[in-house]
Amino acid sequence: MRIVSLNVGLPRDVIWRGRTVSTGIYKSPVEGRVALRPLNLDGDRQADLSVHGGAFKAVYCYPNEHYRWWTRQLAGRDLPAGMFGENFTIEGLDEESVHVGDQFSIGTTRVIVTQPRLPCYKLGIRFQSDSMVRRFLASGRTGFYLAVEREGDVAAGDAITRVGRDPHGVPVADITRLYVAKTFGRDDLRIVKSALDVAALPESWKDYFRDRLITASRA
């Protein structure tokens, strides 16, 4: 398990559908060691802090293995590292194997998994396709966000070592699946209730699932 590519980028203005949009989704690989602080990597920023960035989204990880799948889906389109807006293009971890609340050591840092990525329209800007947002979410290949527990520095090639497992064992993939599910089965209800006990899951997600449980109880 390792970082294949470390990618950063500053917000830029682009024209989309006849209007100017500021976005930080354009990330490019960088060489050498980069400081990771509580809110982001040095040299990286987000444009709209109301929905991007912050302590629970300090780093966005996307599996390199997904790139091969998308290359087939997108008819051989060139997909350079950072194309999905990720900071860490990673190898050896995915949404099924990683649980919300799992802790990892990377370089001299320690991080914790907080949530999957929910795409916004700016992913469509990056791919020049409005349909990409829907396709991305439907694929389940969302990647995941990290919060920083210990500052330090990281670089491409650094090993990613799991140093703690959340006891509730809720995979990132289940959070995404339950987010889009129209109804909950018995097993789904059990997973949702477990997710509500995961300390690392942000309150905004917990509020969403609490509302879903109330709706389910009335059905």
Protein backbone atom coordinates (compact mmCIF):
# COMPACT_ATOMS: atom_id res chain seq x y z
CA MET A 1 0.00 0.00 0.00
CA ARG A 2 1.54 3.26 -1.08
CA ILE A 3 1.13 6.70 -2.60
CA VAL A 4 1.64 6.40 -6.36
CA SER A 5 1.33 10.13 -7.06
CA LEU A 6 1.02 13.17 -4.79
CA ASN A 7 -1.07 15.88 -6.45
CA VAL A 8 -1.81 19.50 -5.51
CA GLY A 9 -3.33 22.54 -7.14
CA LEU A 10 -4.58 26.04 -6.45
CA PRO A 11 -8.04 27.32 -7.46
CA ARG A 12 -8.40 28.64 -10.97
CA ASP A 13 -11.17 30.32 -12.92
CA VAL A 14 -12.64 28.37 -15.83
CA ILE A 15 -15.53 29.02 -18.18
CA TRP A 16 -18.33 26.45 -17.94
CA ARG A 17 -21.71 26.71 -19.58
CA GLY A 18 -21.15 30.39 -20.28
CA ARG A 19 -20.14 31.45 -16.78
CA THR A 20 -16.91 31.77 -14.81
CA VAL A 21 -16.41 29.14 -12.12
CA SER A 22 -13.61 29.01 -9.55
CA THR A 23 -12.46 25.47 -8.87
CA GLY A 24 -9.60 23.66 -7.18
CA ILE A 25 -10.26 20.33 -8.88
CA TYR A 26 -7.26 20.66 -11.20
CA LYS A 27 -4.44 18.79 -9.44
CA SER A 28 -0.98 17.95 -10.78
CA PRO A 29 1.75 15.62 -9.51
CA VAL A 30 4.61 17.15 -7.52
CA GLU A 31 8.04 15.83 -6.64
CA GLY A 32 9.68 15.71 -3.23
CA ARG A 33 8.29 15.83 0.26
CA VAL A 34 5.29 18.04 1.01
CA ALA A 35 4.06 19.23 4.39
CA LEU A 36 0.63 17.97 5.42
CA ARG A 37 -1.17 20.28 7.83
CA PRO A 38 -4.59 20.00 9.54
CA LEU A 39 -6.49 21.53 6.61
CA ASN A 40 -4.49 20.59 3.51
CA LEU A 41 -1.17 19.95 1.84
CA ASP A 42 1.22 22.79 1.15
CA GLY A 43 0.48 24.09 -2.33
CA ASP A 44 -3.10 22.84 -2.34
CA ARG A 45 -6.29 24.81 -1.80
CA GLN A 46 -10.04 24.49 -2.37
CA ALA A 47 -12.20 27.12 -4.04
CA ASP A 48 -15.51 26.68 -2.20
CA LEU A 49 -14.82 26.00 1.47
CA SER A 50 -18.53 25.57 2.22
CA VAL A 51 -18.44 22.12 0.60
CA HIS A 52 -14.75 21.35 0.02
CA GLY A 53 -11.75 21.16 2.30
CA GLY A 54 -11.78 21.57 6.06
CA ALA A 55 -10.53 19.30 8.82
CA PHE A 56 -12.64 16.32 7.70
CA LYS A 57 -11.53 16.66 4.07
CA ALA A 58 -7.88 17.60 4.43
CA VAL A 59 -6.75 14.97 1.91
CA TYR A 60 -8.62 13.20 -0.87
CA CYS A 61 -7.45 9.70 -1.83
CA TYR A 62 -8.31 7.88 -5.04
CA PRO A 63 -7.20 4.32 -5.92
CA ASN A 64 -4.91 3.94 -8.89
CA GLU A 65 -6.70 0.68 -9.67
CA HIS A 66 -9.82 2.67 -10.54
CA TYR A 67 -7.94 4.49 -13.27
CA ARG A 68 -7.67 1.28 -15.26
CA TRP A 69 -11.42 0.72 -14.95
CA TRP A 70 -12.23 4.28 -16.01
CA THR A 71 -9.86 4.04 -18.98
CA ARG A 72 -11.98 1.18 -20.29
CA GLN A 73 -15.24 2.98 -19.50
CA LEU A 74 -14.12 6.21 -21.15
CA ALA A 75 -12.91 4.62 -24.37
CA GLY A 76 -9.20 4.92 -23.73
CA ARG A 77 -9.23 8.57 -22.68
CA ASP A 78 -5.95 9.80 -21.25
CA LEU A 79 -6.29 10.01 -17.47
CA PRO A 80 -3.22 11.55 -15.79
CA ALA A 81 -2.76 11.24 -12.03
CA GLY A 82 -4.90 13.79 -10.21
CA MET A 83 -7.61 13.72 -12.88
CA PHE A 84 -10.31 13.03 -10.28
CA GLY A 85 -9.12 15.89 -8.12
CA GLU A 86 -7.34 13.62 -5.65
CA ASN A 87 -4.33 14.59 -3.56
CA PHE A 88 -3.11 11.00 -3.14
CA THR A 89 -3.35 8.58 -6.01
CA ILE A 90 -2.98 5.39 -3.97
CA GLU A 91 -2.35 1.70 -4.56
CA GLY A 92 -3.52 -1.30 -2.54
CA LEU A 93 -6.54 0.23 -0.79
CA ASP A 94 -10.11 0.77 -1.93
CA GLU A 95 -13.57 1.61 -0.62
CA GLU A 96 -14.32 -2.00 0.32
CA SER A 97 -11.13 -2.62 2.30
CA VAL A 98 -11.04 0.73 4.11
CA HIS A 99 -13.41 1.46 6.99
CA VAL A 100 -14.49 4.89 8.15
CA GLY A 101 -12.39 5.55 11.25
CA ASP A 102 -9.40 3.48 10.13
CA GLN A 103 -6.07 5.12 10.93
CA PHE A 104 -2.98 5.11 8.74
CA SER A 105 0.63 6.17 8.99
CA ILE A 106 1.95 7.85 5.83
CA GLY A 107 5.41 9.40 5.80
CA THR A 108 5.72 11.16 9.14
CA THR A 109 1.98 11.79 9.38
CA ARG A 110 -0.94 9.96 10.94
CA VAL A 111 -4.36 10.25 9.31
CA ILE A 112 -7.89 8.90 9.77
CA VAL A 113 -10.55 8.03 7.20
CA THR A 114 -13.66 10.19 7.54
CA GLN A 115 -16.02 9.75 4.58
CA PRO A 116 -16.44 8.95 0.89
CA ARG A 117 -16.33 11.64 -1.76
CA LEU A 118 -19.66 12.89 -3.09
CA PRO A 119 -19.01 14.50 -6.49
CA CYS A 120 -20.27 17.95 -7.38
CA TYR A 121 -20.70 19.53 -10.80
CA LYS A 122 -17.04 20.53 -10.86
CA LEU A 123 -16.08 16.94 -11.61
CA GLY A 124 -18.12 17.42 -14.76
CA ILE A 125 -16.10 20.53 -15.52
CA ARG A 126 -12.85 18.58 -15.19
CA PHE A 127 -14.11 15.92 -17.60
CA GLN A 128 -16.07 18.38 -19.76
CA SER A 129 -19.14 16.19 -19.28
CA ASP A 130 -22.20 16.75 -17.11
CA SER A 131 -22.90 13.02 -17.07
CA MET A 132 -19.59 12.27 -15.33
CA VAL A 133 -20.98 13.25 -11.94
CA ARG A 134 -23.77 10.68 -12.17
CA ARG A 135 -21.48 8.01 -13.60
CA PHE A 136 -18.90 8.58 -10.88
CA LEU A 137 -21.37 8.15 -8.03
CA ALA A 138 -23.10 5.18 -9.66
CA SER A 139 -19.75 3.42 -10.09
CA GLY A 140 -19.15 3.31 -6.33
CA ARG A 141 -15.54 4.25 -7.08
CA THR A 142 -15.65 7.38 -4.97
CA GLY A 143 -12.33 7.36 -3.13
CA PHE A 144 -12.29 8.71 0.41
CA TYR A 145 -11.22 11.64 2.56
CA LEU A 146 -8.70 11.80 5.40
CA ALA A 147 -8.42 13.99 8.46
CA VAL A 148 -4.98 14.74 9.88
CA GLU A 149 -4.24 13.43 13.37
CA ARG A 150 -0.52 14.20 13.29
CA GLU A 151 1.11 16.73 10.98
CA GLY A 152 4.22 15.85 9.05
CA ASP A 153 5.40 15.40 5.49
CA VAL A 154 4.56 12.97 2.71
CA ALA A 155 5.78 12.13 -0.77
CA ALA A 156 4.99 9.92 -3.73
CA GLY A 157 6.29 6.43 -3.00
CA ASP A 158 5.58 6.59 0.74
CA ALA A 159 4.14 3.42 2.24
CA ILE A 160 0.62 3.57 3.66
CA THR A 161 0.48 1.52 6.86
CA ARG A 162 -2.75 0.78 8.69
CA VAL A 163 -2.14 1.46 12.38
CA GLY A 164 -5.70 1.30 13.69
CA ARG A 165 -9.03 -0.30 12.76
CA ASP A 166 -12.32 1.27 13.71
CA PRO A 167 -14.18 -1.30 15.85
CA HIS A 168 -17.51 -0.75 14.06
CA GLY A 169 -16.11 -1.99 10.75
CA VAL A 170 -18.19 0.10 8.34
CA PRO A 171 -16.55 0.16 4.89
CA VAL A 172 -16.46 3.41 2.96
CA ALA A 173 -18.33 1.59 0.18
CA ASP A 174 -21.29 0.94 2.50
CA ILE A 175 -21.58 4.63 3.36
CA THR A 176 -21.84 5.51 -0.33
CA ARG A 177 -24.23 2.67 -1.09
CA LEU A 178 -26.55 3.58 1.76
CA TYR A 179 -26.44 7.25 0.81
CA VAL A 180 -28.00 6.51 -2.58
CA ALA A 181 -30.22 3.59 -1.51
CA LYS A 182 -33.92 4.36 -1.87
CA THR A 183 -34.92 1.97 0.92
CA PHE A 184 -33.13 0.16 3.74
CA GLY A 185 -33.30 -3.57 4.38
CA ARG A 186 -32.70 -5.15 7.77
CA ASP A 187 -28.95 -5.45 7.24
CA ASP A 188 -28.82 -1.88 5.98
CA LEU A 189 -30.45 -0.62 9.16
CA ARG A 190 -27.84 -2.44 11.21
CA ILE A 191 -25.00 -0.89 9.20
CA VAL A 192 -26.49 2.60 9.45
CA LYS A 193 -26.80 2.29 13.22
CA SER A 194 -23.17 1.15 13.41
CA ALA A 195 -22.10 4.10 11.25
CA LEU A 196 -23.76 6.49 13.70
CA ASP A 197 -21.37 5.22 16.38
CA VAL A 198 -18.22 5.87 14.30
CA ALA A 199 -16.54 8.87 15.90
CA ALA A 200 -14.71 9.84 12.69
CA LEU A 201 -17.87 10.13 10.58
CA PRO A 202 -18.81 13.83 10.35
CA GLU A 203 -22.03 15.01 11.96
CA SER A 204 -23.45 16.07 8.60
CA TRP A 205 -23.42 12.42 7.51
CA LYS A 206 -24.87 11.29 10.81
CA ASP A 207 -27.69 13.83 10.54
CA TYR A 208 -28.48 12.54 7.07
CA PHE A 209 -28.65 8.94 8.24
CA ARG A 210 -30.67 9.84 11.35
CA ASP A 211 -33.25 11.45 9.08
CA ARG A 212 -33.26 8.36 6.87
CA LEU A 213 -33.86 6.14 9.91
CA ILE A 214 -36.81 8.28 10.97
CA THR A 215 -38.26 8.00 7.47
CA ALA A 216 -37.69 4.24 7.44
CA SER A 217 -39.42 3.82 10.80
CA ARG A 218 -42.53 5.53 9.42
CA ALA A 219 -42.71 3.39 6.31
